[in-house]
Amino acid sequence: MGMPEPIPDVRFLTVAEVAAIMRVSKMTVYRLVHAGELPAIRFGRSYRVPESAVTAALHNPVADAG
């Protein structure tokens, strides 16, 4: 057996932290998660969003013309 592969250093943010960084409401973050526009992992009853996903979303904004 070889050495186990190292776990990448991923930082997860709470919905409230994501909302503060993106300057939107927590409900908007939940909508983005449920729509599949922002990847998230569910921990118990709460969601955690990878920091890299937030950074990517901020660098590639999608305008909602609706």
PDB file of N, CA and C in Angstrom:
ATOM      1  N   MET A   1       0.832  -1.196   0.000  1.00  0.00           N
ATOM      2  CA  MET A   1       0.000   0.000   0.000  1.00  0.00           C
ATOM      3  C   MET A   1       0.866   1.245   0.000  1.00  0.00           C
ATOM      4  N   GLY A   2       0.508   2.205  -0.855  1.00  0.00           N
ATOM      5  CA  GLY A   2       1.277   3.436  -0.924  1.00  0.00           C
ATOM      6  C   GLY A   2       0.753   4.473   0.050  1.00  0.00           C
ATOM      7  N   MET A   3       1.360   5.606  -0.037  1.00  0.00           N
ATOM      8  CA  MET A   3       0.937   6.719   0.816  1.00  0.00           C
ATOM      9  C   MET A   3      -0.433   7.209   0.363  1.00  0.00           C
ATOM     10  N   PRO A   4      -1.286   7.573   1.315  1.00  0.00           N
ATOM     11  CA  PRO A   4      -2.582   8.127   0.908  1.00  0.00           C
ATOM     12  C   PRO A   4      -2.378   9.478   0.244  1.00  0.00           C
ATOM     13  N   GLU A   5      -3.256   9.797  -0.709  1.00  0.00           N
ATOM     14  CA  GLU A   5      -3.138  11.078  -1.405  1.00  0.00           C
ATOM     15  C   GLU A   5      -3.470  12.210  -0.451  1.00  0.00           C
ATOM     16  N   PRO A   6      -2.713  13.297  -0.508  1.00  0.00           N
ATOM     17  CA  PRO A   6      -3.004  14.422   0.392  1.00  0.00           C
ATOM     18  C   PRO A   6      -4.342  15.058   0.049  1.00  0.00           C
ATOM     19  N   ILE A   7      -5.028  15.509   1.067  1.00  0.00           N
ATOM     20  CA  ILE A   7      -6.300  16.198   0.876  1.00  0.00           C
ATOM     21  C   ILE A   7      -5.994  17.643   0.511  1.00  0.00           C
ATOM     22  N   PRO A   8      -6.586  18.132  -0.579  1.00  0.00           N
ATOM     23  CA  PRO A   8      -6.311  19.526  -0.948  1.00  0.00           C
ATOM     24  C   PRO A   8      -6.798  20.480   0.134  1.00  0.00           C
ATOM     25  N   ASP A   9      -6.091  21.586   0.266  1.00  0.00           N
ATOM     26  CA  ASP A   9      -6.425  22.578   1.289  1.00  0.00           C
ATOM     27  C   ASP A   9      -7.563  23.458   0.773  1.00  0.00           C
ATOM     28  N   VAL A  10      -8.797  23.037   1.062  1.00  0.00           N
ATOM     29  CA  VAL A  10      -9.978  23.757   0.602  1.00  0.00           C
ATOM     30  C   VAL A  10     -10.590  24.483   1.787  1.00  0.00           C
ATOM     31  N   ARG A  11     -10.877  25.765   1.618  1.00  0.00           N
ATOM     32  CA  ARG A  11     -11.511  26.537   2.676  1.00  0.00           C
ATOM     33  C   ARG A  11     -12.981  26.709   2.332  1.00  0.00           C
ATOM     34  N   PHE A  12     -13.833  26.374   3.288  1.00  0.00           N
ATOM     35  CA  PHE A  12     -15.266  26.485   3.086  1.00  0.00           C
ATOM     36  C   PHE A  12     -15.806  27.699   3.839  1.00  0.00           C
ATOM     37  N   LEU A  13     -16.762  28.377   3.217  1.00  0.00           N
ATOM     38  CA  LEU A  13     -17.377  29.559   3.809  1.00  0.00           C
ATOM     39  C   LEU A  13     -18.844  29.285   4.096  1.00  0.00           C
ATOM     40  N   THR A  14     -19.362  29.942   5.117  1.00  0.00           N
ATOM     41  CA  THR A  14     -20.782  29.833   5.415  1.00  0.00           C
ATOM     42  C   THR A  14     -21.563  30.710   4.441  1.00  0.00           C
ATOM     43  N   VAL A  15     -22.862  30.491   4.386  1.00  0.00           N
ATOM     44  CA  VAL A  15     -23.715  31.300   3.517  1.00  0.00           C
ATOM     45  C   VAL A  15     -23.621  32.775   3.914  1.00  0.00           C
ATOM     46  N   ALA A  16     -23.578  33.053   5.206  1.00  0.00           N
ATOM     47  CA  ALA A  16     -23.469  34.440   5.668  1.00  0.00           C
ATOM     48  C   ALA A  16     -22.149  35.064   5.215  1.00  0.00           C
ATOM     49  N   GLU A  17     -21.058  34.314   5.272  1.00  0.00           N
ATOM     50  CA  GLU A  17     -19.761  34.831   4.829  1.00  0.00           C
ATOM     51  C   GLU A  17     -19.770  35.101   3.328  1.00  0.00           C
ATOM     52  N   VAL A  18     -20.362  34.181   2.574  1.00  0.00           N
ATOM     53  CA  VAL A  18     -20.456  34.361   1.119  1.00  0.00           C
ATOM     54  C   VAL A  18     -21.286  35.602   0.805  1.00  0.00           C
ATOM     55  N   ALA A  19     -22.401  35.779   1.501  1.00  0.00           N
ATOM     56  CA  ALA A  19     -23.258  36.941   1.277  1.00  0.00           C
ATOM     57  C   ALA A  19     -22.496  38.231   1.547  1.00  0.00           C
ATOM     58  N   ALA A  20     -21.707  38.256   2.598  1.00  0.00           N
ATOM     59  CA  ALA A  20     -20.932  39.458   2.933  1.00  0.00           C
ATOM     60  C   ALA A  20     -19.871  39.739   1.869  1.00  0.00           C
ATOM     61  N   ILE A  21     -19.202  38.705   1.400  1.00  0.00           N
ATOM     62  CA  ILE A  21     -18.154  38.880   0.386  1.00  0.00           C
ATOM     63  C   ILE A  21     -18.749  39.367  -0.932  1.00  0.00           C
ATOM     64  N   MET A  22     -19.889  38.768  -1.320  1.00  0.00           N
ATOM     65  CA  MET A  22     -20.513  39.107  -2.600  1.00  0.00           C
ATOM     66  C   MET A  22     -21.420  40.334  -2.503  1.00  0.00           C
ATOM     67  N   ARG A  23     -21.642  40.808  -1.271  1.00  0.00           N
ATOM     68  CA  ARG A  23     -22.512  41.960  -1.012  1.00  0.00           C
ATOM     69  C   ARG A  23     -23.925  41.736  -1.538  1.00  0.00           C
ATOM     70  N   VAL A  24     -24.454  40.559  -1.200  1.00  0.00           N
ATOM     71  CA  VAL A  24     -25.834  40.209  -1.520  1.00  0.00           C
ATOM     72  C   VAL A  24     -26.469  39.651  -0.251  1.00  0.00           C
ATOM     73  N   SER A  25     -27.754  39.368  -0.309  1.00  0.00           N
ATOM     74  CA  SER A  25     -28.420  38.799   0.864  1.00  0.00           C
ATOM     75  C   SER A  25     -28.145  37.302   0.955  1.00  0.00           C
ATOM     76  N   LYS A  26     -28.379  36.746   2.136  1.00  0.00           N
ATOM     77  CA  LYS A  26     -28.221  35.303   2.316  1.00  0.00           C
ATOM     78  C   LYS A  26     -29.200  34.557   1.414  1.00  0.00           C
ATOM     79  N   MET A  27     -30.400  35.100   1.219  1.00  0.00           N
ATOM     80  CA  MET A  27     -31.392  34.456   0.357  1.00  0.00           C
ATOM     81  C   MET A  27     -30.873  34.354  -1.075  1.00  0.00           C
ATOM     82  N   THR A  28     -30.164  35.371  -1.535  1.00  0.00           N
ATOM     83  CA  THR A  28     -29.592  35.330  -2.883  1.00  0.00           C
ATOM     84  C   THR A  28     -28.566  34.209  -2.986  1.00  0.00           C
ATOM     85  N   VAL A  29     -27.759  34.028  -1.959  1.00  0.00           N
ATOM     86  CA  VAL A  29     -26.772  32.946  -1.962  1.00  0.00           C
ATOM     87  C   VAL A  29     -27.495  31.599  -2.010  1.00  0.00           C
ATOM     88  N   TYR A  30     -28.545  31.438  -1.210  1.00  0.00           N
ATOM     89  CA  TYR A  30     -29.315  30.190  -1.247  1.00  0.00           C
ATOM     90  C   TYR A  30     -29.902  29.955  -2.640  1.00  0.00           C
ATOM     91  N   ARG A  31     -30.392  31.007  -3.282  1.00  0.00           N
ATOM     92  CA  ARG A  31     -30.950  30.863  -4.632  1.00  0.00           C
ATOM     93  C   ARG A  31     -29.877  30.404  -5.608  1.00  0.00           C
ATOM     94  N   LEU A  32     -28.687  30.983  -5.512  1.00  0.00           N
ATOM     95  CA  LEU A  32     -27.584  30.595  -6.390  1.00  0.00           C
ATOM     96  C   LEU A  32     -27.200  29.130  -6.172  1.00  0.00           C
ATOM     97  N   VAL A  33     -27.191  28.710  -4.918  1.00  0.00           N
ATOM     98  CA  VAL A  33     -26.853  27.317  -4.590  1.00  0.00           C
ATOM     99  C   VAL A  33     -27.910  26.377  -5.155  1.00  0.00           C
ATOM    100  N   HIS A  34     -29.177  26.676  -4.902  1.00  0.00           N
ATOM    101  CA  HIS A  34     -30.260  25.800  -5.356  1.00  0.00           C
ATOM    102  C   HIS A  34     -30.386  25.776  -6.880  1.00  0.00           C
ATOM    103  N   ALA A  35     -30.003  26.875  -7.538  1.00  0.00           N
ATOM    104  CA  ALA A  35     -30.056  26.927  -8.995  1.00  0.00           C
ATOM    105  C   ALA A  35     -28.850  26.230  -9.633  1.00  0.00           C
ATOM    106  N   GLY A  36     -27.876  25.847  -8.806  1.00  0.00           N
ATOM    107  CA  GLY A  36     -26.686  25.185  -9.326  1.00  0.00           C
ATOM    108  C   GLY A  36     -25.641  26.145  -9.863  1.00  0.00           C
ATOM    109  N   GLU A  37     -25.838  27.436  -9.646  1.00  0.00           N
ATOM    110  CA  GLU A  37     -24.890  28.433 -10.134  1.00  0.00           C
ATOM    111  C   GLU A  37     -23.694  28.601  -9.201  1.00  0.00           C
ATOM    112  N   LEU A  38     -23.843  28.164  -7.967  1.00  0.00           N
ATOM    113  CA  LEU A  38     -22.779  28.253  -6.972  1.00  0.00           C
ATOM    114  C   LEU A  38     -22.685  26.894  -6.281  1.00  0.00           C
ATOM    115  N   PRO A  39     -21.576  26.175  -6.458  1.00  0.00           N
ATOM    116  CA  PRO A  39     -21.471  24.860  -5.839  1.00  0.00           C
ATOM    117  C   PRO A  39     -21.397  24.968  -4.321  1.00  0.00           C
ATOM    118  N   ALA A  40     -22.004  24.016  -3.646  1.00  0.00           N
ATOM    119  CA  ALA A  40     -22.001  24.009  -2.186  1.00  0.00           C
ATOM    120  C   ALA A  40     -22.112  22.571  -1.693  1.00  0.00           C
ATOM    121  N   ILE A  41     -21.675  22.383  -0.478  1.00  0.00           N
ATOM    122  CA  ILE A  41     -21.762  21.085   0.190  1.00  0.00           C
ATOM    123  C   ILE A  41     -22.648  21.265   1.401  1.00  0.00           C
ATOM    124  N   ARG A  42     -23.523  20.313   1.614  1.00  0.00           N
ATOM    125  CA  ARG A  42     -24.425  20.397   2.762  1.00  0.00           C
ATOM    126  C   ARG A  42     -23.795  19.682   3.947  1.00  0.00           C
ATOM    127  N   PHE A  43     -23.669  20.392   5.055  1.00  0.00           N
ATOM    128  CA  PHE A  43     -23.184  19.839   6.315  1.00  0.00           C
ATOM    129  C   PHE A  43     -24.345  19.904   7.297  1.00  0.00           C
ATOM    130  N   GLY A  44     -24.968  18.771   7.548  1.00  0.00           N
ATOM    131  CA  GLY A  44     -26.124  18.781   8.437  1.00  0.00           C
ATOM    132  C   GLY A  44     -27.229  19.604   7.811  1.00  0.00           C
ATOM    133  N   ARG A  45     -27.650  20.646   8.506  1.00  0.00           N
ATOM    134  CA  ARG A  45     -28.729  21.496   8.001  1.00  0.00           C
ATOM    135  C   ARG A  45     -28.218  22.763   7.326  1.00  0.00           C
ATOM    136  N   SER A  46     -26.905  22.934   7.256  1.00  0.00           N
ATOM    137  CA  SER A  46     -26.365  24.161   6.670  1.00  0.00           C
ATOM    138  C   SER A  46     -25.514  23.849   5.445  1.00  0.00           C
ATOM    139  N   TYR A  47     -25.267  24.877   4.661  1.00  0.00           N
ATOM    140  CA  TYR A  47     -24.454  24.745   3.458  1.00  0.00           C
ATOM    141  C   TYR A  47     -23.104  25.408   3.678  1.00  0.00           C
ATOM    142  N   ARG A  48     -22.090  24.850   3.009  1.00  0.00           N
ATOM    143  CA  ARG A  48     -20.762  25.451   2.985  1.00  0.00           C
ATOM    144  C   ARG A  48     -20.352  25.565   1.527  1.00  0.00           C
ATOM    145  N   VAL A  49     -19.789  26.712   1.185  1.00  0.00           N
ATOM    146  CA  VAL A  49     -19.402  26.997  -0.190  1.00  0.00           C
ATOM    147  C   VAL A  49     -17.880  27.075  -0.249  1.00  0.00           C
ATOM    148  N   PRO A  50     -17.262  26.368  -1.201  1.00  0.00           N
ATOM    149  CA  PRO A  50     -15.801  26.480  -1.330  1.00  0.00           C
ATOM    150  C   PRO A  50     -15.410  27.916  -1.674  1.00  0.00           C
ATOM    151  N   GLU A  51     -14.378  28.402  -1.010  1.00  0.00           N
ATOM    152  CA  GLU A  51     -13.925  29.777  -1.246  1.00  0.00           C
ATOM    153  C   GLU A  51     -13.542  29.985  -2.712  1.00  0.00           C
ATOM    154  N   SER A  52     -12.982  28.951  -3.330  1.00  0.00           N
ATOM    155  CA  SER A  52     -12.585  29.049  -4.736  1.00  0.00           C
ATOM    156  C   SER A  52     -13.797  29.283  -5.642  1.00  0.00           C
ATOM    157  N   ALA A  53     -14.955  28.725  -5.274  1.00  0.00           N
ATOM    158  CA  ALA A  53     -16.172  28.927  -6.070  1.00  0.00           C
ATOM    159  C   ALA A  53     -16.650  30.371  -5.974  1.00  0.00           C
ATOM    160  N   VAL A  54     -16.507  30.964  -4.792  1.00  0.00           N
ATOM    161  CA  VAL A  54     -16.904  32.367  -4.613  1.00  0.00           C
ATOM    162  C   VAL A  54     -15.980  33.260  -5.438  1.00  0.00           C
ATOM    163  N   THR A  55     -14.689  32.990  -5.375  1.00  0.00           N
ATOM    164  CA  THR A  55     -13.714  33.763  -6.148  1.00  0.00           C
ATOM    165  C   THR A  55     -14.016  33.663  -7.637  1.00  0.00           C
ATOM    166  N   ALA A  56     -14.313  32.451  -8.103  1.00  0.00           N
ATOM    167  CA  ALA A  56     -14.628  32.252  -9.522  1.00  0.00           C
ATOM    168  C   ALA A  56     -15.900  33.002  -9.903  1.00  0.00           C
ATOM    169  N   ALA A  57     -16.906  32.971  -9.051  1.00  0.00           N
ATOM    170  CA  ALA A  57     -18.167  33.662  -9.333  1.00  0.00           C
ATOM    171  C   ALA A  57     -17.965  35.173  -9.412  1.00  0.00           C
ATOM    172  N   LEU A  58     -17.083  35.701  -8.577  1.00  0.00           N
ATOM    173  CA  LEU A  58     -16.824  37.142  -8.588  1.00  0.00           C
ATOM    174  C   LEU A  58     -16.023  37.569  -9.820  1.00  0.00           C
ATOM    175  N   HIS A  59     -15.181  36.667 -10.325  1.00  0.00           N
ATOM    176  CA  HIS A  59     -14.378  36.996 -11.498  1.00  0.00           C
ATOM    177  C   HIS A  59     -15.126  36.751 -12.809  1.00  0.00           C
ATOM    178  N   ASN A  60     -16.214  35.988 -12.751  1.00  0.00           N
ATOM    179  CA  ASN A  60     -17.000  35.690 -13.949  1.00  0.00           C
ATOM    180  C   ASN A  60     -18.472  35.986 -13.674  1.00  0.00           C
ATOM    181  N   PRO A  61     -18.810  37.261 -13.462  1.00  0.00           N
ATOM    182  CA  PRO A  61     -20.201  37.590 -13.150  1.00  0.00           C
ATOM    183  C   PRO A  61     -21.132  37.301 -14.318  1.00  0.00           C
ATOM    184  N   VAL A  62     -22.340  36.893 -13.973  1.00  0.00           N
ATOM    185  CA  VAL A  62     -23.367  36.643 -14.977  1.00  0.00           C
ATOM    186  C   VAL A  62     -24.505  37.622 -14.722  1.00  0.00           C
ATOM    187  N   ALA A  63     -24.790  38.469 -15.684  1.00  0.00           N
ATOM    188  CA  ALA A  63     -25.857  39.452 -15.516  1.00  0.00           C
ATOM    189  C   ALA A  63     -27.204  38.784 -15.691  1.00  0.00           C
ATOM    190  N   ASP A  64     -28.133  39.099 -14.824  1.00  0.00           N
ATOM    191  CA  ASP A  64     -29.483  38.585 -14.912  1.00  0.00           C
ATOM    192  C   ASP A  64     -30.351  39.656 -15.559  1.00  0.00           C
ATOM    193  N   ALA A  65     -30.713  39.422 -16.812  1.00  0.00           N
ATOM    194  CA  ALA A  65     -31.485  40.419 -17.548  1.00  0.00           C
ATOM    195  C   ALA A  65     -32.984  40.270 -17.293  1.00  0.00           C
ATOM    196  N   GLY A  66     -33.365  39.295 -16.448  1.00  0.00           N
ATOM    197  CA  GLY A  66     -34.778  39.048 -16.211  1.00  0.00           C
ATOM    198  C   GLY A  66     -35.322  40.046 -15.311  1.00  0.00           C
TER     199      GLY A  66
END
